[in-house]
Amino acid sequence: MMSYVWRRTGVALITLFLASVVVFAGVRALPGGPAVAMSSEISNPEVLAAIRKQFGLDKPLPVQYVTWVWQALHGNLGISPQTGLPVAQTLAERFPVTFELSMLAMSFAVVIGLPIGVLAAVRRGSIADHLSTSSALLGLSVPHFWLGLLFIELFAVHFGVLPASGYVSPVHPVANLAHMLMPAFVLSMGMAAVLMRQMRSSMLESLGADYVRTARAKGMSEWRTVMVHALRNSLTTVVTVIGLQLGTLMSGAIITEQIFLIPGLGRLTVEAVFGRDYPDLQGIVLISATAYIVANLLTDIVYSLLNPRIRVAGGGQ
């Protein structure tokens, strides 16, 4: 097991290295370079030269990359030219907000999607199955921005039971939950639909397997057959989907955070793009890539625990 974990960790580190190269090269590929972007395209050569010197952009690219990586490993991602604050400090303030929103949205998606998917598979061809499939299609089709505006109009304006936007620190848990309920639920709808469809498909495959027929032939109760045998084997593919969705969420739910004015990574990304704040943008992409890679590494580990054949096939013990 440990050899499998170490192998997957090695792959994750290589992926993170490649992601850092792409991030570094992408920012340097901006028209005119990052100095022009930060100076709002001021053509004064002296101003551009001063900016390049201040941010180390006058050095050779390999030196810039090594310096940036070395500083990043020590928690230094540069200084934002827009706010004058360290990028690491800004990310440390914004990332927990997105992480909280992601965890809450994923919890809603799992609680809604998995049971409905199991029910649809067990009652295949029934009214419940058709309603579940139709609801999943609706959840995939409705845009987040429209659903968010609809929820604000309904629950904040019409009924007045939830705040329309904003964010409150978890230090005040009741107010925090009240502000996060709507955006988390909106964000979870698409994921719940994906999980429901995947759960239904996996359960149908498991329910038609030989081991399930054998369990039924031995007189095992339908509940135990479904929950113990079919469900556990069906979770392996669903866990993969959850990991991919979680990585995407933690990369920043840009539209949802903009609609509900949540100060997370998604909203920071928009501010950095419009403000031409390349140090912030570089840090956002790097932390987003790291979060995505870590989420998928954890998914691989959980997947191997659910299905030991994976690590055996890979040469693990």
C-alpha atoms as a PDB file:
ATOM      1  CA  MET A   1       0.000   0.000   0.000  1.00  0.00           C
ATOM      2  CA  MET A   2       2.741   2.469   0.959  1.00  0.00           C
ATOM      3  CA  SER A   3       4.657   1.830  -2.277  1.00  0.00           C
ATOM      4  CA  TYR A   4       1.485   2.681  -4.219  1.00  0.00           C
ATOM      5  CA  VAL A   5       1.049   5.900  -2.214  1.00  0.00           C
ATOM      6  CA  TRP A   6       4.663   6.900  -2.824  1.00  0.00           C
ATOM      7  CA  ARG A   7       4.322   6.246  -6.555  1.00  0.00           C
ATOM      8  CA  ARG A   8       1.183   8.331  -6.808  1.00  0.00           C
ATOM      9  CA  THR A   9       2.818  11.080  -4.740  1.00  0.00           C
ATOM     10  CA  GLY A  10       5.774  11.083  -7.126  1.00  0.00           C
ATOM     11  CA  VAL A  11       3.454  11.419 -10.102  1.00  0.00           C
ATOM     12  CA  ALA A  12       1.650  14.281  -8.330  1.00  0.00           C
ATOM     13  CA  LEU A  13       4.935  16.112  -7.703  1.00  0.00           C
ATOM     14  CA  ILE A  14       5.964  15.747 -11.349  1.00  0.00           C
ATOM     15  CA  THR A  15       2.557  17.058 -12.422  1.00  0.00           C
ATOM     16  CA  LEU A  16       2.919  20.005 -10.037  1.00  0.00           C
ATOM     17  CA  PHE A  17       6.353  20.794 -11.485  1.00  0.00           C
ATOM     18  CA  LEU A  18       4.952  20.773 -15.025  1.00  0.00           C
ATOM     19  CA  ALA A  19       2.038  22.949 -13.888  1.00  0.00           C
ATOM     20  CA  SER A  20       4.465  25.485 -12.391  1.00  0.00           C
ATOM     21  CA  VAL A  21       6.359  25.627 -15.695  1.00  0.00           C
ATOM     22  CA  VAL A  22       3.121  26.225 -17.600  1.00  0.00           C
ATOM     23  CA  VAL A  23       2.050  28.946 -15.153  1.00  0.00           C
ATOM     24  CA  PHE A  24       5.434  30.665 -15.354  1.00  0.00           C
ATOM     25  CA  ALA A  25       5.596  30.478 -19.155  1.00  0.00           C
ATOM     26  CA  GLY A  26       1.971  31.547 -19.579  1.00  0.00           C
ATOM     27  CA  VAL A  27       2.438  34.780 -17.636  1.00  0.00           C
ATOM     28  CA  ARG A  28       5.647  35.599 -19.514  1.00  0.00           C
ATOM     29  CA  ALA A  29       3.811  35.021 -22.803  1.00  0.00           C
ATOM     30  CA  LEU A  30       1.506  37.997 -22.191  1.00  0.00           C
ATOM     31  CA  PRO A  31       1.612  40.569 -25.024  1.00  0.00           C
ATOM     32  CA  GLY A  32       4.547  42.846 -24.226  1.00  0.00           C
ATOM     33  CA  GLY A  33       5.385  40.798 -21.146  1.00  0.00           C
ATOM     34  CA  PRO A  34       4.112  41.126 -17.556  1.00  0.00           C
ATOM     35  CA  ALA A  35       5.811  44.518 -17.136  1.00  0.00           C
ATOM     36  CA  VAL A  36       3.594  46.022 -19.837  1.00  0.00           C
ATOM     37  CA  ALA A  37       0.536  44.342 -18.314  1.00  0.00           C
ATOM     38  CA  MET A  38       1.254  45.772 -14.868  1.00  0.00           C
ATOM     39  CA  SER A  39       1.966  49.238 -16.224  1.00  0.00           C
ATOM     40  CA  SER A  40      -1.360  49.362 -18.096  1.00  0.00           C
ATOM     41  CA  GLU A  41       0.584  49.384 -21.372  1.00  0.00           C
ATOM     42  CA  ILE A  42       2.556  52.539 -20.541  1.00  0.00           C
ATOM     43  CA  SER A  43       5.130  52.920 -23.304  1.00  0.00           C
ATOM     44  CA  ASN A  44       7.686  54.885 -21.248  1.00  0.00           C
ATOM     45  CA  PRO A  45      10.871  52.777 -21.457  1.00  0.00           C
ATOM     46  CA  GLU A  46      12.155  54.071 -18.114  1.00  0.00           C
ATOM     47  CA  VAL A  47       8.947  53.053 -16.316  1.00  0.00           C
ATOM     48  CA  LEU A  48       8.993  49.615 -17.913  1.00  0.00           C
ATOM     49  CA  ALA A  49      12.664  49.160 -17.031  1.00  0.00           C
ATOM     50  CA  ALA A  50      11.960  50.105 -13.397  1.00  0.00           C
ATOM     51  CA  ILE A  51       9.086  47.610 -13.193  1.00  0.00           C
ATOM     52  CA  ARG A  52      11.214  44.849 -14.713  1.00  0.00           C
ATOM     53  CA  LYS A  53      13.985  45.536 -12.208  1.00  0.00           C
ATOM     54  CA  GLN A  54      11.590  45.701  -9.238  1.00  0.00           C
ATOM     55  CA  PHE A  55      10.011  42.335 -10.043  1.00  0.00           C
ATOM     56  CA  GLY A  56      13.174  40.656 -11.323  1.00  0.00           C
ATOM     57  CA  LEU A  57      11.907  40.512 -14.895  1.00  0.00           C
ATOM     58  CA  ASP A  58      15.223  41.797 -16.277  1.00  0.00           C
ATOM     59  CA  LYS A  59      16.968  38.503 -15.464  1.00  0.00           C
ATOM     60  CA  PRO A  60      17.187  35.463 -17.792  1.00  0.00           C
ATOM     61  CA  LEU A  61      14.056  33.288 -17.801  1.00  0.00           C
ATOM     62  CA  PRO A  62      15.705  30.227 -16.176  1.00  0.00           C
ATOM     63  CA  VAL A  63      16.949  32.438 -13.333  1.00  0.00           C
ATOM     64  CA  GLN A  64      13.493  33.985 -12.956  1.00  0.00           C
ATOM     65  CA  TYR A  65      11.892  30.533 -12.782  1.00  0.00           C
ATOM     66  CA  VAL A  66      14.333  29.109 -10.233  1.00  0.00           C
ATOM     67  CA  THR A  67      14.009  32.257  -8.104  1.00  0.00           C
ATOM     68  CA  TRP A  68      10.217  32.148  -8.265  1.00  0.00           C
ATOM     69  CA  VAL A  69      10.038  28.455  -7.343  1.00  0.00           C
ATOM     70  CA  TRP A  70      12.555  28.873  -4.502  1.00  0.00           C
ATOM     71  CA  GLN A  71      10.617  31.793  -3.080  1.00  0.00           C
ATOM     72  CA  ALA A  72       7.291  29.960  -3.527  1.00  0.00           C
ATOM     73  CA  LEU A  73       8.640  26.997  -1.545  1.00  0.00           C
ATOM     74  CA  HIS A  74       9.362  29.453   1.258  1.00  0.00           C
ATOM     75  CA  GLY A  75       5.884  30.983   1.092  1.00  0.00           C
ATOM     76  CA  ASN A  76       6.858  34.053  -0.917  1.00  0.00           C
ATOM     77  CA  LEU A  77       4.748  34.463  -4.070  1.00  0.00           C
ATOM     78  CA  GLY A  78       5.618  38.099  -4.637  1.00  0.00           C
ATOM     79  CA  ILE A  79       3.897  41.425  -3.983  1.00  0.00           C
ATOM     80  CA  SER A  80       0.711  42.557  -5.673  1.00  0.00           C
ATOM     81  CA  PRO A  81       1.269  45.837  -7.571  1.00  0.00           C
ATOM     82  CA  GLN A  82      -2.435  46.673  -7.147  1.00  0.00           C
ATOM     83  CA  THR A  83      -2.836  46.234  -3.382  1.00  0.00           C
ATOM     84  CA  GLY A  84       0.773  46.293  -2.210  1.00  0.00           C
ATOM     85  CA  LEU A  85       0.079  43.151  -0.154  1.00  0.00           C
ATOM     86  CA  PRO A  86       2.005  39.884  -0.303  1.00  0.00           C
ATOM     87  CA  VAL A  87       0.321  37.440  -2.679  1.00  0.00           C
ATOM     88  CA  ALA A  88       0.663  34.641  -0.130  1.00  0.00           C
ATOM     89  CA  GLN A  89      -1.241  36.723   2.437  1.00  0.00           C
ATOM     90  CA  THR A  90      -4.068  37.410  -0.027  1.00  0.00           C
ATOM     91  CA  LEU A  91      -4.321  33.737  -0.988  1.00  0.00           C
ATOM     92  CA  ALA A  92      -4.277  32.705   2.680  1.00  0.00           C
ATOM     93  CA  GLU A  93      -7.319  34.934   3.221  1.00  0.00           C
ATOM     94  CA  ARG A  94      -9.214  33.917   0.088  1.00  0.00           C
ATOM     95  CA  PHE A  95      -8.512  30.172  -0.198  1.00  0.00           C
ATOM     96  CA  PRO A  96     -10.306  29.143   3.050  1.00  0.00           C
ATOM     97  CA  VAL A  97     -13.456  30.865   1.775  1.00  0.00           C
ATOM     98  CA  THR A  98     -13.420  28.879  -1.475  1.00  0.00           C
ATOM     99  CA  PHE A  99     -12.507  25.714   0.429  1.00  0.00           C
ATOM    100  CA  GLU A 100     -15.501  26.148   2.737  1.00  0.00           C
ATOM    101  CA  LEU A 101     -17.826  26.796  -0.201  1.00  0.00           C
ATOM    102  CA  SER A 102     -16.438  23.765  -2.039  1.00  0.00           C
ATOM    103  CA  MET A 103     -16.834  21.422   0.927  1.00  0.00           C
ATOM    104  CA  LEU A 104     -20.386  22.566   1.588  1.00  0.00           C
ATOM    105  CA  ALA A 105     -21.337  22.286  -2.094  1.00  0.00           C
ATOM    106  CA  MET A 106     -19.776  18.834  -2.350  1.00  0.00           C
ATOM    107  CA  SER A 107     -21.637  17.720   0.779  1.00  0.00           C
ATOM    108  CA  PHE A 108     -24.934  18.820  -0.757  1.00  0.00           C
ATOM    109  CA  ALA A 109     -24.064  17.078  -4.034  1.00  0.00           C
ATOM    110  CA  VAL A 110     -23.190  13.784  -2.314  1.00  0.00           C
ATOM    111  CA  VAL A 111     -26.246  13.828  -0.028  1.00  0.00           C
ATOM    112  CA  ILE A 112     -28.555  14.589  -2.963  1.00  0.00           C
ATOM    113  CA  GLY A 113     -26.927  12.744  -5.855  1.00  0.00           C
ATOM    114  CA  LEU A 114     -25.871   9.387  -4.415  1.00  0.00           C
ATOM    115  CA  PRO A 115     -29.149   8.299  -2.756  1.00  0.00           C
ATOM    116  CA  ILE A 116     -31.163   9.357  -5.796  1.00  0.00           C
ATOM    117  CA  GLY A 117     -28.766   7.461  -8.068  1.00  0.00           C
ATOM    118  CA  VAL A 118     -29.107   4.298  -5.963  1.00  0.00           C
ATOM    119  CA  LEU A 119     -32.896   4.628  -5.913  1.00  0.00           C
ATOM    120  CA  ALA A 120     -33.029   5.125  -9.685  1.00  0.00           C
ATOM    121  CA  ALA A 121     -30.928   2.012 -10.258  1.00  0.00           C
ATOM    122  CA  VAL A 122     -32.877  -0.197  -7.839  1.00  0.00           C
ATOM    123  CA  ARG A 123     -36.202   1.032  -9.292  1.00  0.00           C
ATOM    124  CA  ARG A 124     -35.051   0.968 -12.893  1.00  0.00           C
ATOM    125  CA  GLY A 125     -37.815   1.846 -15.347  1.00  0.00           C
ATOM    126  CA  SER A 126     -40.131   3.128 -12.628  1.00  0.00           C
ATOM    127  CA  ILE A 127     -41.563   6.620 -12.199  1.00  0.00           C
ATOM    128  CA  ALA A 128     -38.836   7.333  -9.620  1.00  0.00           C
ATOM    129  CA  ASP A 129     -36.185   6.417 -12.178  1.00  0.00           C
ATOM    130  CA  HIS A 130     -37.677   8.650 -14.869  1.00  0.00           C
ATOM    131  CA  LEU A 131     -38.072  11.565 -12.450  1.00  0.00           C
ATOM    132  CA  SER A 132     -34.495  11.161 -11.226  1.00  0.00           C
ATOM    133  CA  THR A 133     -33.082  11.057 -14.748  1.00  0.00           C
ATOM    134  CA  SER A 134     -35.120  14.100 -15.780  1.00  0.00           C
ATOM    135  CA  SER A 135     -34.025  16.018 -12.684  1.00  0.00           C
ATOM    136  CA  ALA A 136     -30.387  15.194 -13.406  1.00  0.00           C
ATOM    137  CA  LEU A 137     -30.737  16.433 -16.978  1.00  0.00           C
ATOM    138  CA  LEU A 138     -32.335  19.635 -15.674  1.00  0.00           C
ATOM    139  CA  GLY A 139     -29.535  20.107 -13.155  1.00  0.00           C
ATOM    140  CA  LEU A 140     -26.941  19.810 -15.916  1.00  0.00           C
ATOM    141  CA  SER A 141     -28.808  22.146 -18.257  1.00  0.00           C
ATOM    142  CA  VAL A 142     -29.591  25.097 -15.970  1.00  0.00           C
ATOM    143  CA  PRO A 143     -26.740  27.663 -15.894  1.00  0.00           C
ATOM    144  CA  HIS A 144     -25.359  28.542 -12.457  1.00  0.00           C
ATOM    145  CA  PHE A 145     -25.736  32.280 -12.978  1.00  0.00           C
ATOM    146  CA  TRP A 146     -29.454  31.968 -13.778  1.00  0.00           C
ATOM    147  CA  LEU A 147     -30.086  29.608 -10.880  1.00  0.00           C
ATOM    148  CA  GLY A 148     -28.186  31.923  -8.541  1.00  0.00           C
ATOM    149  CA  LEU A 149     -30.218  34.957  -9.564  1.00  0.00           C
ATOM    150  CA  LEU A 150     -33.427  32.938  -9.243  1.00  0.00           C
ATOM    151  CA  PHE A 151     -32.519  31.857  -5.706  1.00  0.00           C
ATOM    152  CA  ILE A 152     -31.684  35.439  -4.714  1.00  0.00           C
ATOM    153  CA  GLU A 153     -35.034  36.651  -6.042  1.00  0.00           C
ATOM    154  CA  LEU A 154     -36.931  33.835  -4.343  1.00  0.00           C
ATOM    155  CA  PHE A 155     -35.264  33.355  -0.952  1.00  0.00           C
ATOM    156  CA  ALA A 156     -33.706  36.785  -0.345  1.00  0.00           C
ATOM    157  CA  VAL A 157     -36.086  39.244  -2.007  1.00  0.00           C
ATOM    158  CA  HIS A 158     -39.473  37.488  -1.960  1.00  0.00           C
ATOM    159  CA  PHE A 159     -39.346  35.436   1.254  1.00  0.00           C
ATOM    160  CA  GLY A 160     -36.474  37.274   2.964  1.00  0.00           C
ATOM    161  CA  VAL A 161     -35.229  34.150   4.741  1.00  0.00           C
ATOM    162  CA  LEU A 162     -31.612  34.250   3.513  1.00  0.00           C
ATOM    163  CA  PRO A 163     -29.143  37.078   2.806  1.00  0.00           C
ATOM    164  CA  ALA A 164     -28.750  37.910  -0.860  1.00  0.00           C
ATOM    165  CA  SER A 165     -24.960  38.086  -0.870  1.00  0.00           C
ATOM    166  CA  GLY A 166     -21.841  38.630   1.166  1.00  0.00           C
ATOM    167  CA  TYR A 167     -19.723  36.530   3.484  1.00  0.00           C
ATOM    168  CA  VAL A 168     -19.409  36.219   7.265  1.00  0.00           C
ATOM    169  CA  SER A 169     -16.479  34.572   9.019  1.00  0.00           C
ATOM    170  CA  PRO A 170     -17.000  31.053  10.471  1.00  0.00           C
ATOM    171  CA  VAL A 171     -16.361  32.662  13.848  1.00  0.00           C
ATOM    172  CA  HIS A 172     -20.089  33.422  13.642  1.00  0.00           C
ATOM    173  CA  PRO A 173     -21.316  29.971  12.482  1.00  0.00           C
ATOM    174  CA  VAL A 174     -25.032  30.760  12.161  1.00  0.00           C
ATOM    175  CA  ALA A 175     -24.514  33.896  10.080  1.00  0.00           C
ATOM    176  CA  ASN A 176     -21.787  32.145   8.087  1.00  0.00           C
ATOM    177  CA  LEU A 177     -24.064  29.225   7.212  1.00  0.00           C
ATOM    178  CA  ALA A 178     -26.912  31.576   6.295  1.00  0.00           C
ATOM    179  CA  HIS A 179     -24.674  33.381   3.787  1.00  0.00           C
ATOM    180  CA  MET A 180     -23.198  30.168   2.346  1.00  0.00           C
ATOM    181  CA  LEU A 181     -26.356  28.076   1.944  1.00  0.00           C
ATOM    182  CA  MET A 182     -27.571  29.554  -1.334  1.00  0.00           C
ATOM    183  CA  PRO A 183     -24.237  29.704  -3.183  1.00  0.00           C
ATOM    184  CA  ALA A 184     -23.299  26.200  -1.999  1.00  0.00           C
ATOM    185  CA  PHE A 185     -26.642  24.777  -3.072  1.00  0.00           C
ATOM    186  CA  VAL A 186     -26.447  26.512  -6.466  1.00  0.00           C
ATOM    187  CA  LEU A 187     -22.919  25.223  -6.967  1.00  0.00           C
ATOM    188  CA  SER A 188     -23.923  21.692  -5.966  1.00  0.00           C
ATOM    189  CA  MET A 189     -26.736  21.264  -8.481  1.00  0.00           C
ATOM    190  CA  GLY A 190     -24.576  20.427 -11.464  1.00  0.00           C
ATOM    191  CA  MET A 191     -22.374  18.124  -9.394  1.00  0.00           C
ATOM    192  CA  ALA A 192     -25.359  16.349  -7.870  1.00  0.00           C
ATOM    193  CA  ALA A 193     -26.657  15.641 -11.366  1.00  0.00           C
ATOM    194  CA  VAL A 194     -23.295  14.218 -12.466  1.00  0.00           C
ATOM    195  CA  LEU A 195     -23.020  12.055  -9.332  1.00  0.00           C
ATOM    196  CA  MET A 196     -26.591  10.827  -9.697  1.00  0.00           C
ATOM    197  CA  ARG A 197     -26.049   9.710 -13.299  1.00  0.00           C
ATOM    198  CA  GLN A 198     -22.719   8.068 -12.464  1.00  0.00           C
ATOM    199  CA  MET A 199     -24.149   6.346  -9.381  1.00  0.00           C
ATOM    200  CA  ARG A 200     -27.101   4.999 -11.349  1.00  0.00           C
ATOM    201  CA  SER A 201     -24.875   3.691 -14.135  1.00  0.00           C
ATOM    202  CA  SER A 202     -22.433   2.021 -11.723  1.00  0.00           C
ATOM    203  CA  MET A 203     -25.213   0.498  -9.623  1.00  0.00           C
ATOM    204  CA  LEU A 204     -26.945  -0.967 -12.679  1.00  0.00           C
ATOM    205  CA  GLU A 205     -23.676  -2.609 -13.690  1.00  0.00           C
ATOM    206  CA  SER A 206     -23.119  -3.971 -10.183  1.00  0.00           C
ATOM    207  CA  LEU A 207     -26.694  -5.224  -9.783  1.00  0.00           C
ATOM    208  CA  GLY A 208     -26.276  -7.289 -12.950  1.00  0.00           C
ATOM    209  CA  ALA A 209     -22.989  -8.868 -11.801  1.00  0.00           C
ATOM    210  CA  ASP A 210     -22.603 -12.549 -10.894  1.00  0.00           C
ATOM    211  CA  TYR A 211     -21.755 -11.911  -7.235  1.00  0.00           C
ATOM    212  CA  VAL A 212     -25.046 -10.052  -6.734  1.00  0.00           C
ATOM    213  CA  ARG A 213     -27.024 -12.865  -8.332  1.00  0.00           C
ATOM    214  CA  THR A 214     -25.167 -15.344  -6.110  1.00  0.00           C
ATOM    215  CA  ALA A 215     -25.978 -13.307  -2.998  1.00  0.00           C
ATOM    216  CA  ARG A 216     -29.648 -13.259  -3.928  1.00  0.00           C
ATOM    217  CA  ALA A 217     -29.622 -17.002  -4.672  1.00  0.00           C
ATOM    218  CA  LYS A 218     -28.241 -17.649  -1.185  1.00  0.00           C
ATOM    219  CA  GLY A 219     -31.251 -15.862   0.297  1.00  0.00           C
ATOM    220  CA  MET A 220     -29.528 -12.627   1.323  1.00  0.00           C
ATOM    221  CA  SER A 221     -31.958  -9.775   1.897  1.00  0.00           C
ATOM    222  CA  GLU A 222     -32.366  -7.245  -0.911  1.00  0.00           C
ATOM    223  CA  TRP A 223     -31.289  -4.368   1.348  1.00  0.00           C
ATOM    224  CA  ARG A 224     -28.043  -6.103   2.333  1.00  0.00           C
ATOM    225  CA  THR A 225     -27.358  -7.175  -1.251  1.00  0.00           C
ATOM    226  CA  VAL A 226     -27.744  -3.616  -2.521  1.00  0.00           C
ATOM    227  CA  MET A 227     -26.037  -1.712   0.319  1.00  0.00           C
ATOM    228  CA  VAL A 228     -23.179  -4.092   1.148  1.00  0.00           C
ATOM    229  CA  HIS A 229     -22.266  -5.735  -2.161  1.00  0.00           C
ATOM    230  CA  ALA A 230     -23.509  -3.584  -5.042  1.00  0.00           C
ATOM    231  CA  LEU A 231     -23.020  -0.157  -3.465  1.00  0.00           C
ATOM    232  CA  ARG A 232     -19.433  -0.692  -2.305  1.00  0.00           C
ATOM    233  CA  ASN A 233     -18.283  -1.875  -5.724  1.00  0.00           C
ATOM    234  CA  SER A 234     -20.156   0.981  -7.391  1.00  0.00           C
ATOM    235  CA  LEU A 235     -18.414   3.618  -5.286  1.00  0.00           C
ATOM    236  CA  THR A 236     -15.041   3.117  -6.950  1.00  0.00           C
ATOM    237  CA  THR A 237     -15.939   5.009 -10.113  1.00  0.00           C
ATOM    238  CA  VAL A 238     -18.065   7.523  -8.199  1.00  0.00           C
ATOM    239  CA  VAL A 239     -15.109   8.403  -5.959  1.00  0.00           C
ATOM    240  CA  THR A 240     -13.119   9.303  -9.062  1.00  0.00           C
ATOM    241  CA  VAL A 241     -15.863  11.654 -10.214  1.00  0.00           C
ATOM    242  CA  ILE A 242     -16.062  13.240  -6.750  1.00  0.00           C
ATOM    243  CA  GLY A 243     -12.302  13.848  -6.759  1.00  0.00           C
ATOM    244  CA  LEU A 244     -12.394  15.500 -10.171  1.00  0.00           C
ATOM    245  CA  GLN A 245     -15.363  17.661  -9.211  1.00  0.00           C
ATOM    246  CA  LEU A 246     -13.764  18.657  -5.903  1.00  0.00           C
ATOM    247  CA  GLY A 247     -10.565  19.675  -7.640  1.00  0.00           C
ATOM    248  CA  THR A 248     -12.550  21.806 -10.047  1.00  0.00           C
ATOM    249  CA  LEU A 249     -14.465  23.442  -7.203  1.00  0.00           C
ATOM    250  CA  MET A 250     -11.357  24.335  -5.236  1.00  0.00           C
ATOM    251  CA  SER A 251      -9.877  25.886  -8.353  1.00  0.00           C
ATOM    252  CA  GLY A 252     -12.410  28.651  -7.816  1.00  0.00           C
ATOM    253  CA  ALA A 253     -16.124  28.867  -8.539  1.00  0.00           C
ATOM    254  CA  ILE A 254     -15.826  32.122 -10.459  1.00  0.00           C
ATOM    255  CA  ILE A 255     -19.444  32.682 -11.531  1.00  0.00           C
ATOM    256  CA  THR A 256     -21.022  31.682  -8.218  1.00  0.00           C
ATOM    257  CA  GLU A 257     -18.609  33.772  -6.157  1.00  0.00           C
ATOM    258  CA  GLN A 258     -19.227  36.778  -8.390  1.00  0.00           C
ATOM    259  CA  ILE A 259     -23.014  36.510  -8.137  1.00  0.00           C
ATOM    260  CA  PHE A 260     -23.056  36.142  -4.351  1.00  0.00           C
ATOM    261  CA  LEU A 261     -20.087  38.493  -3.746  1.00  0.00           C
ATOM    262  CA  ILE A 262     -18.084  35.835  -1.928  1.00  0.00           C
ATOM    263  CA  PRO A 263     -14.430  36.860  -1.462  1.00  0.00           C
ATOM    264  CA  GLY A 264     -12.869  33.583  -2.582  1.00  0.00           C
ATOM    265  CA  LEU A 265     -10.381  32.529  -5.248  1.00  0.00           C
ATOM    266  CA  GLY A 266     -12.946  32.838  -8.021  1.00  0.00           C
ATOM    267  CA  ARG A 267     -13.651  36.483  -7.324  1.00  0.00           C
ATOM    268  CA  LEU A 268      -9.949  37.174  -6.760  1.00  0.00           C
ATOM    269  CA  THR A 269      -9.251  35.742 -10.213  1.00  0.00           C
ATOM    270  CA  VAL A 270     -11.638  38.194 -11.833  1.00  0.00           C
ATOM    271  CA  GLU A 271     -10.106  41.095  -9.876  1.00  0.00           C
ATOM    272  CA  ALA A 272      -6.590  40.033 -10.870  1.00  0.00           C
ATOM    273  CA  VAL A 273      -7.481  39.700 -14.549  1.00  0.00           C
ATOM    274  CA  PHE A 274      -9.191  43.089 -14.782  1.00  0.00           C
ATOM    275  CA  GLY A 275      -6.511  44.717 -12.631  1.00  0.00           C
ATOM    276  CA  ARG A 276      -3.674  43.202 -14.672  1.00  0.00           C
ATOM    277  CA  ASP A 277      -2.247  41.921 -11.408  1.00  0.00           C
ATOM    278  CA  TYR A 278       0.096  39.228 -12.710  1.00  0.00           C
ATOM    279  CA  PRO A 279       1.671  38.229  -9.333  1.00  0.00           C
ATOM    280  CA  ASP A 280      -1.794  37.561  -7.885  1.00  0.00           C
ATOM    281  CA  LEU A 281      -2.878  35.750 -11.031  1.00  0.00           C
ATOM    282  CA  GLN A 282       0.283  33.635 -11.045  1.00  0.00           C
ATOM    283  CA  GLY A 283      -0.258  32.688  -7.399  1.00  0.00           C
ATOM    284  CA  ILE A 284      -3.939  31.878  -7.978  1.00  0.00           C
ATOM    285  CA  VAL A 285      -3.197  29.518 -10.853  1.00  0.00           C
ATOM    286  CA  LEU A 286      -0.404  27.821  -8.898  1.00  0.00           C
ATOM    287  CA  ILE A 287      -2.509  27.281  -5.757  1.00  0.00           C
ATOM    288  CA  SER A 288      -5.453  26.119  -7.883  1.00  0.00           C
ATOM    289  CA  ALA A 289      -3.282  23.586  -9.700  1.00  0.00           C
ATOM    290  CA  THR A 290      -1.892  22.395  -6.363  1.00  0.00           C
ATOM    291  CA  ALA A 291      -5.386  21.975  -4.917  1.00  0.00           C
ATOM    292  CA  TYR A 292      -6.504  20.039  -7.992  1.00  0.00           C
ATOM    293  CA  ILE A 293      -3.476  17.738  -7.884  1.00  0.00           C
ATOM    294  CA  VAL A 294      -3.824  17.096  -4.135  1.00  0.00           C
ATOM    295  CA  ALA A 295      -7.545  16.337  -4.544  1.00  0.00           C
ATOM    296  CA  ASN A 296      -6.783  13.800  -7.256  1.00  0.00           C
ATOM    297  CA  LEU A 297      -3.965  12.247  -5.210  1.00  0.00           C
ATOM    298  CA  LEU A 298      -6.357  11.724  -2.298  1.00  0.00           C
ATOM    299  CA  THR A 299      -8.882  10.288  -4.766  1.00  0.00           C
ATOM    300  CA  ASP A 300      -6.324   7.761  -5.994  1.00  0.00           C
ATOM    301  CA  ILE A 301      -5.578   6.689  -2.422  1.00  0.00           C
ATOM    302  CA  VAL A 302      -9.254   6.300  -1.509  1.00  0.00           C
ATOM    303  CA  TYR A 303      -9.868   4.485  -4.798  1.00  0.00           C
ATOM    304  CA  SER A 304      -7.118   1.981  -3.976  1.00  0.00           C
ATOM    305  CA  LEU A 305      -8.630   1.384  -0.532  1.00  0.00           C
ATOM    306  CA  LEU A 306     -12.011   0.619  -2.070  1.00  0.00           C
ATOM    307  CA  ASN A 307     -10.513  -1.552  -4.805  1.00  0.00           C
ATOM    308  CA  PRO A 308      -7.219  -3.235  -3.705  1.00  0.00           C
ATOM    309  CA  ARG A 309      -6.761  -4.728  -7.187  1.00  0.00           C
ATOM    310  CA  ILE A 310      -5.628  -1.281  -8.401  1.00  0.00           C
ATOM    311  CA  ARG A 311      -2.534  -1.113  -6.220  1.00  0.00           C
ATOM    312  CA  VAL A 312      -1.811  -4.813  -6.805  1.00  0.00           C
ATOM    313  CA  ALA A 313      -1.988  -4.266 -10.570  1.00  0.00           C
ATOM    314  CA  GLY A 314       0.437  -1.372 -10.167  1.00  0.00           C
ATOM    315  CA  GLY A 315       2.936  -3.509  -8.297  1.00  0.00           C
ATOM    316  CA  GLY A 316       2.048  -2.283  -4.799  1.00  0.00           C
ATOM    317  CA  GLN A 317       1.882  -4.446  -1.728  1.00  0.00           C
END
